[in-house]
Amino acid sequence: MRLGVTSSKGAFAPASRAEVPAVASALQVWSHVFCRHYDALPPKVQAEILAKIDDLGRRLGSFPHVRLVGRSEFKLRVGDWRVLYEFDVSSGRFYLLYLGNRREIYKRV
């Protein structure tokens, strides 16, 4: 898919940088558990979480990751919601494992 504008003469002009949607540079791998909880959220909350996840993907190497005490996962805070994830900078991937309310997420995992 090419983003841009086609003139009346059929010439293609690329879209300006401001019009091109931002894409996470790291590959996002969503677990089934994460997907199930994400799909159950209201669209506004989904948009907030997705924006934060995309930010994490763009800055994977320099993002301030917070590891859970005594666990291998890291947490991402998005309002009252927490995303638990793992990442591998060398392969450019991060794995979204769990999603839940801040009061419940640590009891379930």
Foldseek 3Di string as FASTA:
>chain_A
DFAFDADPVRDTDHDDPVPDDQAQQFAEAEDPQAVVVLVPDDPVQNVQVVVQVSVCRNPVPPDPWADDPPDQWTWDDRPQKIWTKHDDVVRRYIYTYHMDGNVCPVVVD
